[in-house]
């Protein structure tokens, strides 16, 4: 895993402060956000089992935080990442991925119900060395593309996941089947908060993850979120 999946964070926020920032009356259940991008529209369902992440993403969407930000890090057969506010007006060649909303969100890892299958929406974060509680970035997120893995490779991935989670995460057979056929990034399971998934526009995610990039994963031609829209409360 390249370190730039983990944006550098300057400040943290407690769960209570985050709830206050998102408003005292929180919706129940899922919500939907439509990302209008220069490559096409991506519809995302935010999962009600991760209410802190759901409400924060809705809050930022309604504030226009994601409008005009780039997919600043794209890795083929892996994921596409956005949410860095510094990317809005960043000239070509500028290093991105170090800025976000300025606070952290407590981890809400709901596994195996929410896993890194293709189309999953998850929160970026700093590494375990500086972030042992695995708190999420306040705004940087990634959408999983991934690839299929054979059984032997999944066995090796399980060993890695076991070591990273002190044996707490076991990839169930139901997920192994998905990872063997459709694909994803199972080596991240149990270590990052998955808080939603793409319900429409997966072909747009496929197109974005296949664009040409520079050596640090920034697309050579900008791929931008023109506007993010909350379409269902």
C-alpha atoms as a PDB file:
ATOM      1  CA  UNK A   1       0.000   0.000   0.000  1.00  0.00           C
ATOM      2  CA  UNK A   2       1.486   3.313  -0.998  1.00  0.00           C
ATOM      3  CA  UNK A   3       1.618   5.816   1.812  1.00  0.00           C
ATOM      4  CA  UNK A   4      -0.237   8.519  -0.120  1.00  0.00           C
ATOM      5  CA  UNK A   5      -3.492   6.692   0.442  1.00  0.00           C
ATOM      6  CA  UNK A   6      -3.093   8.172   3.919  1.00  0.00           C
ATOM      7  CA  UNK A   7      -3.489  11.971   3.838  1.00  0.00           C
ATOM      8  CA  UNK A   8      -1.556  13.942   6.454  1.00  0.00           C
ATOM      9  CA  UNK A   9      -3.941  15.322   9.077  1.00  0.00           C
ATOM     10  CA  UNK A  10      -3.195  18.354  11.247  1.00  0.00           C
ATOM     11  CA  UNK A  11      -6.045  18.114  13.750  1.00  0.00           C
ATOM     12  CA  UNK A  12      -8.450  15.573  15.257  1.00  0.00           C
ATOM     13  CA  UNK A  13     -12.056  15.761  16.409  1.00  0.00           C
ATOM     14  CA  UNK A  14     -13.925  13.617  18.894  1.00  0.00           C
ATOM     15  CA  UNK A  15     -17.133  11.808  18.002  1.00  0.00           C
ATOM     16  CA  UNK A  16     -19.153  14.346  19.990  1.00  0.00           C
ATOM     17  CA  UNK A  17     -17.606  17.296  18.174  1.00  0.00           C
ATOM     18  CA  UNK A  18     -18.205  15.599  14.855  1.00  0.00           C
ATOM     19  CA  UNK A  19     -21.857  15.004  15.648  1.00  0.00           C
ATOM     20  CA  UNK A  20     -22.213  18.637  16.625  1.00  0.00           C
ATOM     21  CA  UNK A  21     -20.622  19.743  13.373  1.00  0.00           C
ATOM     22  CA  UNK A  22     -22.981  17.529  11.382  1.00  0.00           C
ATOM     23  CA  UNK A  23     -26.038  18.747  13.241  1.00  0.00           C
ATOM     24  CA  UNK A  24     -27.831  17.340  16.247  1.00  0.00           C
ATOM     25  CA  UNK A  25     -30.663  15.717  14.303  1.00  0.00           C
ATOM     26  CA  UNK A  26     -29.166  12.884  12.299  1.00  0.00           C
ATOM     27  CA  UNK A  27     -31.039  10.948   9.655  1.00  0.00           C
ATOM     28  CA  UNK A  28     -31.488   7.215  10.034  1.00  0.00           C
ATOM     29  CA  UNK A  29     -30.608   4.618   7.446  1.00  0.00           C
ATOM     30  CA  UNK A  30     -28.844   5.143   4.134  1.00  0.00           C
ATOM     31  CA  UNK A  31     -28.524   8.291   2.062  1.00  0.00           C
ATOM     32  CA  UNK A  32     -27.477   8.974  -1.513  1.00  0.00           C
ATOM     33  CA  UNK A  33     -25.003  11.341  -3.108  1.00  0.00           C
ATOM     34  CA  UNK A  34     -24.552  11.917  -6.823  1.00  0.00           C
ATOM     35  CA  UNK A  35     -21.057  12.848  -7.957  1.00  0.00           C
ATOM     36  CA  UNK A  36     -21.187  14.763 -11.222  1.00  0.00           C
ATOM     37  CA  UNK A  37     -17.687  14.306 -12.639  1.00  0.00           C
ATOM     38  CA  UNK A  38     -15.958  15.253 -15.870  1.00  0.00           C
ATOM     39  CA  UNK A  39     -16.009  11.538 -16.737  1.00  0.00           C
ATOM     40  CA  UNK A  40     -19.709  11.040 -15.961  1.00  0.00           C
ATOM     41  CA  UNK A  41     -22.035  10.599 -12.988  1.00  0.00           C
ATOM     42  CA  UNK A  42     -21.411   8.257 -10.050  1.00  0.00           C
ATOM     43  CA  UNK A  43     -24.272   7.556  -7.644  1.00  0.00           C
ATOM     44  CA  UNK A  44     -23.223   6.492  -4.144  1.00  0.00           C
ATOM     45  CA  UNK A  45     -25.284   5.067  -1.311  1.00  0.00           C
ATOM     46  CA  UNK A  46     -23.998   6.009   2.149  1.00  0.00           C
ATOM     47  CA  UNK A  47     -24.575   3.203   4.619  1.00  0.00           C
ATOM     48  CA  UNK A  48     -26.671   3.788   7.741  1.00  0.00           C
ATOM     49  CA  UNK A  49     -24.464   1.411   9.733  1.00  0.00           C
ATOM     50  CA  UNK A  50     -21.691   4.030   9.618  1.00  0.00           C
ATOM     51  CA  UNK A  51     -23.624   7.112  10.779  1.00  0.00           C
ATOM     52  CA  UNK A  52     -20.619   9.323  11.579  1.00  0.00           C
ATOM     53  CA  UNK A  53     -19.164   8.867   8.109  1.00  0.00           C
ATOM     54  CA  UNK A  54     -22.566   9.100   6.424  1.00  0.00           C
ATOM     55  CA  UNK A  55     -23.505  12.339   8.151  1.00  0.00           C
ATOM     56  CA  UNK A  56     -20.090  13.883   7.620  1.00  0.00           C
ATOM     57  CA  UNK A  57     -20.123  13.073   3.903  1.00  0.00           C
ATOM     58  CA  UNK A  58     -23.627  14.545   3.590  1.00  0.00           C
ATOM     59  CA  UNK A  59     -22.566  17.668   5.485  1.00  0.00           C
ATOM     60  CA  UNK A  60     -19.571  18.250   3.228  1.00  0.00           C
ATOM     61  CA  UNK A  61     -21.686  17.583   0.152  1.00  0.00           C
ATOM     62  CA  UNK A  62     -24.299  20.147   1.180  1.00  0.00           C
ATOM     63  CA  UNK A  63     -21.580  22.695   1.926  1.00  0.00           C
ATOM     64  CA  UNK A  64     -20.101  22.244  -1.548  1.00  0.00           C
ATOM     65  CA  UNK A  65     -16.823  20.934  -0.149  1.00  0.00           C
ATOM     66  CA  UNK A  66     -16.384  18.343  -2.898  1.00  0.00           C
ATOM     67  CA  UNK A  67     -17.300  20.693  -5.737  1.00  0.00           C
ATOM     68  CA  UNK A  68     -14.377  21.126  -8.172  1.00  0.00           C
ATOM     69  CA  UNK A  69     -11.972  18.791  -6.328  1.00  0.00           C
ATOM     70  CA  UNK A  70      -9.937  16.352  -8.386  1.00  0.00           C
ATOM     71  CA  UNK A  71      -9.550  12.626  -8.271  1.00  0.00           C
ATOM     72  CA  UNK A  72      -5.961  13.359  -7.330  1.00  0.00           C
ATOM     73  CA  UNK A  73      -4.736   9.782  -6.919  1.00  0.00           C
ATOM     74  CA  UNK A  74      -5.679   7.018  -9.309  1.00  0.00           C
ATOM     75  CA  UNK A  75      -4.138   3.551  -9.428  1.00  0.00           C
ATOM     76  CA  UNK A  76      -5.254   1.065 -12.076  1.00  0.00           C
ATOM     77  CA  UNK A  77      -6.770  -2.162 -10.720  1.00  0.00           C
ATOM     78  CA  UNK A  78      -6.856  -0.577  -7.248  1.00  0.00           C
ATOM     79  CA  UNK A  79      -8.863   2.582  -6.523  1.00  0.00           C
ATOM     80  CA  UNK A  80      -9.631   6.235  -7.281  1.00  0.00           C
ATOM     81  CA  UNK A  81      -9.192   8.841  -4.524  1.00  0.00           C
ATOM     82  CA  UNK A  82     -10.549  12.377  -4.007  1.00  0.00           C
ATOM     83  CA  UNK A  83     -11.387  14.871  -1.277  1.00  0.00           C
ATOM     84  CA  UNK A  84      -8.261  17.039  -1.107  1.00  0.00           C
ATOM     85  CA  UNK A  85      -9.450  20.687  -1.139  1.00  0.00           C
ATOM     86  CA  UNK A  86      -6.021  21.836  -2.335  1.00  0.00           C
ATOM     87  CA  UNK A  87      -6.651  20.026  -5.620  1.00  0.00           C
ATOM     88  CA  UNK A  88      -9.261  22.503  -6.877  1.00  0.00           C
ATOM     89  CA  UNK A  89      -6.767  24.887  -8.470  1.00  0.00           C
ATOM     90  CA  UNK A  90      -3.614  22.792  -8.384  1.00  0.00           C
ATOM     91  CA  UNK A  91      -1.392  23.251 -11.449  1.00  0.00           C
ATOM     92  CA  UNK A  92      -0.264  20.180 -13.351  1.00  0.00           C
ATOM     93  CA  UNK A  93       2.523  18.342 -11.560  1.00  0.00           C
ATOM     94  CA  UNK A  94       1.614  19.644  -8.098  1.00  0.00           C
ATOM     95  CA  UNK A  95       1.900  17.009  -5.372  1.00  0.00           C
ATOM     96  CA  UNK A  96      -1.530  16.438  -3.828  1.00  0.00           C
ATOM     97  CA  UNK A  97      -3.057  14.384  -1.032  1.00  0.00           C
ATOM     98  CA  UNK A  98      -1.823  16.295   2.012  1.00  0.00           C
ATOM     99  CA  UNK A  99      -4.939  18.401   2.728  1.00  0.00           C
ATOM    100  CA  UNK A 100      -8.408  17.574   3.948  1.00  0.00           C
ATOM    101  CA  UNK A 101     -11.213  18.988   6.109  1.00  0.00           C
ATOM    102  CA  UNK A 102      -8.929  19.355   9.154  1.00  0.00           C
ATOM    103  CA  UNK A 103     -10.405  16.759  11.501  1.00  0.00           C
ATOM    104  CA  UNK A 104     -10.636  13.006  11.965  1.00  0.00           C
ATOM    105  CA  UNK A 105     -13.618  10.671  12.195  1.00  0.00           C
ATOM    106  CA  UNK A 106     -13.601   7.709  14.599  1.00  0.00           C
ATOM    107  CA  UNK A 107     -13.360   4.395  12.780  1.00  0.00           C
ATOM    108  CA  UNK A 108     -16.652   2.632  12.002  1.00  0.00           C
ATOM    109  CA  UNK A 109     -15.464  -0.702  10.660  1.00  0.00           C
ATOM    110  CA  UNK A 110     -18.498  -2.949  10.096  1.00  0.00           C
ATOM    111  CA  UNK A 111     -17.047  -6.200   8.830  1.00  0.00           C
ATOM    112  CA  UNK A 112     -17.817  -8.376   6.935  1.00  0.00           C
ATOM    113  CA  UNK A 113     -21.038  -6.529   6.059  1.00  0.00           C
ATOM    114  CA  UNK A 114     -19.036  -3.615   4.626  1.00  0.00           C
ATOM    115  CA  UNK A 115     -15.955  -4.869   2.820  1.00  0.00           C
ATOM    116  CA  UNK A 116     -13.590  -3.729   0.068  1.00  0.00           C
ATOM    117  CA  UNK A 117     -15.476  -5.275  -2.820  1.00  0.00           C
ATOM    118  CA  UNK A 118     -15.576  -3.521  -6.178  1.00  0.00           C
ATOM    119  CA  UNK A 119     -17.502  -0.250  -5.929  1.00  0.00           C
ATOM    120  CA  UNK A 120     -17.033   0.172  -2.168  1.00  0.00           C
ATOM    121  CA  UNK A 121     -16.690   3.727  -0.820  1.00  0.00           C
ATOM    122  CA  UNK A 122     -14.129   4.029   1.975  1.00  0.00           C
ATOM    123  CA  UNK A 123     -12.316   6.692   3.978  1.00  0.00           C
ATOM    124  CA  UNK A 124      -8.620   7.375   3.546  1.00  0.00           C
ATOM    125  CA  UNK A 125      -6.471   7.730   6.652  1.00  0.00           C
ATOM    126  CA  UNK A 126      -2.940   8.036   7.952  1.00  0.00           C
ATOM    127  CA  UNK A 127      -0.893   4.928   8.688  1.00  0.00           C
ATOM    128  CA  UNK A 128      -1.146   2.759  11.800  1.00  0.00           C
ATOM    129  CA  UNK A 129       2.195   4.072  13.060  1.00  0.00           C
ATOM    130  CA  UNK A 130       0.727   7.519  13.676  1.00  0.00           C
ATOM    131  CA  UNK A 131      -2.945   6.532  13.804  1.00  0.00           C
ATOM    132  CA  UNK A 132      -3.346   3.255  15.742  1.00  0.00           C
ATOM    133  CA  UNK A 133      -7.079   3.858  16.235  1.00  0.00           C
ATOM    134  CA  UNK A 134      -7.467   3.968  12.454  1.00  0.00           C
ATOM    135  CA  UNK A 135      -9.439   7.197  12.457  1.00  0.00           C
ATOM    136  CA  UNK A 136     -10.562   8.399   9.057  1.00  0.00           C
ATOM    137  CA  UNK A 137      -9.693  11.554   7.168  1.00  0.00           C
ATOM    138  CA  UNK A 138     -12.437  14.155   7.458  1.00  0.00           C
ATOM    139  CA  UNK A 139     -12.849  14.410   3.687  1.00  0.00           C
ATOM    140  CA  UNK A 140     -10.527  12.208   1.650  1.00  0.00           C
ATOM    141  CA  UNK A 141     -12.216   9.090   0.316  1.00  0.00           C
ATOM    142  CA  UNK A 142     -11.586   6.377  -2.233  1.00  0.00           C
ATOM    143  CA  UNK A 143     -13.738   4.156  -4.409  1.00  0.00           C
ATOM    144  CA  UNK A 144     -12.522   0.592  -4.843  1.00  0.00           C
ATOM    145  CA  UNK A 145     -11.957  -0.975  -8.233  1.00  0.00           C
ATOM    146  CA  UNK A 146      -9.467  -3.747  -7.498  1.00  0.00           C
ATOM    147  CA  UNK A 147      -9.116  -7.007  -9.392  1.00  0.00           C
ATOM    148  CA  UNK A 148      -9.989 -10.693  -8.957  1.00  0.00           C
ATOM    149  CA  UNK A 149      -7.664 -12.890  -6.894  1.00  0.00           C
ATOM    150  CA  UNK A 150      -7.237 -16.643  -7.052  1.00  0.00           C
ATOM    151  CA  UNK A 151      -7.602 -18.809  -3.984  1.00  0.00           C
ATOM    152  CA  UNK A 152      -3.898 -19.142  -3.280  1.00  0.00           C
ATOM    153  CA  UNK A 153      -3.426 -15.382  -3.421  1.00  0.00           C
ATOM    154  CA  UNK A 154      -6.402 -14.876  -1.119  1.00  0.00           C
ATOM    155  CA  UNK A 155      -4.791 -17.282   1.341  1.00  0.00           C
ATOM    156  CA  UNK A 156      -1.682 -15.090   1.376  1.00  0.00           C
ATOM    157  CA  UNK A 157      -3.826 -11.968   1.702  1.00  0.00           C
ATOM    158  CA  UNK A 158      -5.589 -13.560   4.667  1.00  0.00           C
ATOM    159  CA  UNK A 159      -2.234 -14.053   6.366  1.00  0.00           C
ATOM    160  CA  UNK A 160      -1.451 -10.364   5.850  1.00  0.00           C
ATOM    161  CA  UNK A 161      -4.869  -9.281   7.122  1.00  0.00           C
ATOM    162  CA  UNK A 162      -4.524 -11.576  10.131  1.00  0.00           C
ATOM    163  CA  UNK A 163      -1.206  -9.950  11.025  1.00  0.00           C
ATOM    164  CA  UNK A 164      -2.558  -6.425  10.499  1.00  0.00           C
ATOM    165  CA  UNK A 165      -5.672  -6.988  12.631  1.00  0.00           C
ATOM    166  CA  UNK A 166      -4.260  -9.258  15.345  1.00  0.00           C
ATOM    167  CA  UNK A 167      -6.340 -12.125  14.024  1.00  0.00           C
ATOM    168  CA  UNK A 168      -9.635 -10.272  14.330  1.00  0.00           C
ATOM    169  CA  UNK A 169     -10.529 -10.270  10.625  1.00  0.00           C
ATOM    170  CA  UNK A 170     -11.240 -13.494   8.752  1.00  0.00           C
ATOM    171  CA  UNK A 171     -12.409 -13.175   5.160  1.00  0.00           C
ATOM    172  CA  UNK A 172     -15.571 -15.329   4.986  1.00  0.00           C
ATOM    173  CA  UNK A 173     -16.246 -17.730   2.134  1.00  0.00           C
ATOM    174  CA  UNK A 174     -19.023 -15.495   0.810  1.00  0.00           C
ATOM    175  CA  UNK A 175     -16.556 -12.631   0.346  1.00  0.00           C
ATOM    176  CA  UNK A 176     -13.823 -14.905  -1.008  1.00  0.00           C
ATOM    177  CA  UNK A 177     -16.212 -15.876  -3.804  1.00  0.00           C
ATOM    178  CA  UNK A 178     -16.760 -12.211  -4.670  1.00  0.00           C
ATOM    179  CA  UNK A 179     -13.038 -11.462  -4.538  1.00  0.00           C
ATOM    180  CA  UNK A 180     -12.318 -14.444  -6.799  1.00  0.00           C
ATOM    181  CA  UNK A 181     -14.934 -13.477  -9.397  1.00  0.00           C
ATOM    182  CA  UNK A 182     -15.696  -9.745  -9.357  1.00  0.00           C
ATOM    183  CA  UNK A 183     -12.691  -8.510  -7.412  1.00  0.00           C
ATOM    184  CA  UNK A 184     -11.817  -5.792  -4.936  1.00  0.00           C
ATOM    185  CA  UNK A 185      -9.030  -4.967  -2.495  1.00  0.00           C
ATOM    186  CA  UNK A 186      -9.362  -7.576   0.282  1.00  0.00           C
ATOM    187  CA  UNK A 187      -5.953  -6.707   1.744  1.00  0.00           C
ATOM    188  CA  UNK A 188      -7.560  -3.534   3.182  1.00  0.00           C
ATOM    189  CA  UNK A 189     -10.406  -5.342   4.953  1.00  0.00           C
ATOM    190  CA  UNK A 190     -10.859  -4.552   8.623  1.00  0.00           C
ATOM    191  CA  UNK A 191      -8.364  -1.693   8.487  1.00  0.00           C
ATOM    192  CA  UNK A 192     -10.279   1.157   6.825  1.00  0.00           C
ATOM    193  CA  UNK A 193     -13.867   2.293   7.235  1.00  0.00           C
ATOM    194  CA  UNK A 194     -16.071   1.306   4.314  1.00  0.00           C
ATOM    195  CA  UNK A 195     -19.157   3.520   4.514  1.00  0.00           C
ATOM    196  CA  UNK A 196     -21.008   3.116   1.245  1.00  0.00           C
ATOM    197  CA  UNK A 197     -20.932   1.832  -2.280  1.00  0.00           C
ATOM    198  CA  UNK A 198     -21.500   2.815  -5.894  1.00  0.00           C
ATOM    199  CA  UNK A 199     -25.016   1.957  -7.043  1.00  0.00           C
ATOM    200  CA  UNK A 200     -24.825   3.547 -10.509  1.00  0.00           C
ATOM    201  CA  UNK A 201     -21.872   4.608 -12.623  1.00  0.00           C
ATOM    202  CA  UNK A 202     -19.441   1.801 -11.918  1.00  0.00           C
ATOM    203  CA  UNK A 203     -18.415   2.062 -15.577  1.00  0.00           C
ATOM    204  CA  UNK A 204     -17.323   5.638 -14.798  1.00  0.00           C
ATOM    205  CA  UNK A 205     -15.137   4.364 -11.955  1.00  0.00           C
ATOM    206  CA  UNK A 206     -13.665   1.823 -14.369  1.00  0.00           C
ATOM    207  CA  UNK A 207     -12.894   4.559 -16.883  1.00  0.00           C
ATOM    208  CA  UNK A 208     -11.257   6.810 -14.275  1.00  0.00           C
ATOM    209  CA  UNK A 209      -9.074   4.050 -12.828  1.00  0.00           C
ATOM    210  CA  UNK A 210      -7.759   3.397 -16.317  1.00  0.00           C
ATOM    211  CA  UNK A 211      -6.551   6.902 -17.165  1.00  0.00           C
ATOM    212  CA  UNK A 212      -2.890   7.740 -17.687  1.00  0.00           C
ATOM    213  CA  UNK A 213      -1.164   9.080 -14.559  1.00  0.00           C
ATOM    214  CA  UNK A 214       2.173  10.441 -13.432  1.00  0.00           C
ATOM    215  CA  UNK A 215       4.564   8.579 -11.130  1.00  0.00           C
ATOM    216  CA  UNK A 216       2.534   9.403  -7.982  1.00  0.00           C
ATOM    217  CA  UNK A 217      -0.852   8.540  -9.447  1.00  0.00           C
ATOM    218  CA  UNK A 218      -2.165  11.963 -10.438  1.00  0.00           C
ATOM    219  CA  UNK A 219      -4.038  11.777 -13.762  1.00  0.00           C
ATOM    220  CA  UNK A 220      -2.185  13.540 -16.565  1.00  0.00           C
ATOM    221  CA  UNK A 221      -5.502  15.081 -17.587  1.00  0.00           C
ATOM    222  CA  UNK A 222      -7.545  16.293 -14.615  1.00  0.00           C
ATOM    223  CA  UNK A 223     -10.582  14.234 -13.631  1.00  0.00           C
ATOM    224  CA  UNK A 224     -12.777  16.521 -11.543  1.00  0.00           C
ATOM    225  CA  UNK A 225     -15.881  16.279  -9.376  1.00  0.00           C
ATOM    226  CA  UNK A 226     -17.838  19.128 -10.926  1.00  0.00           C
ATOM    227  CA  UNK A 227     -20.501  18.995  -8.230  1.00  0.00           C
ATOM    228  CA  UNK A 228     -21.618  16.642  -5.478  1.00  0.00           C
ATOM    229  CA  UNK A 229     -25.352  16.509  -4.837  1.00  0.00           C
ATOM    230  CA  UNK A 230     -27.291  14.972  -1.944  1.00  0.00           C
ATOM    231  CA  UNK A 231     -30.186  13.338  -3.762  1.00  0.00           C
ATOM    232  CA  UNK A 232     -31.921  11.520  -0.915  1.00  0.00           C
ATOM    233  CA  UNK A 233     -31.912  12.269   2.809  1.00  0.00           C
END
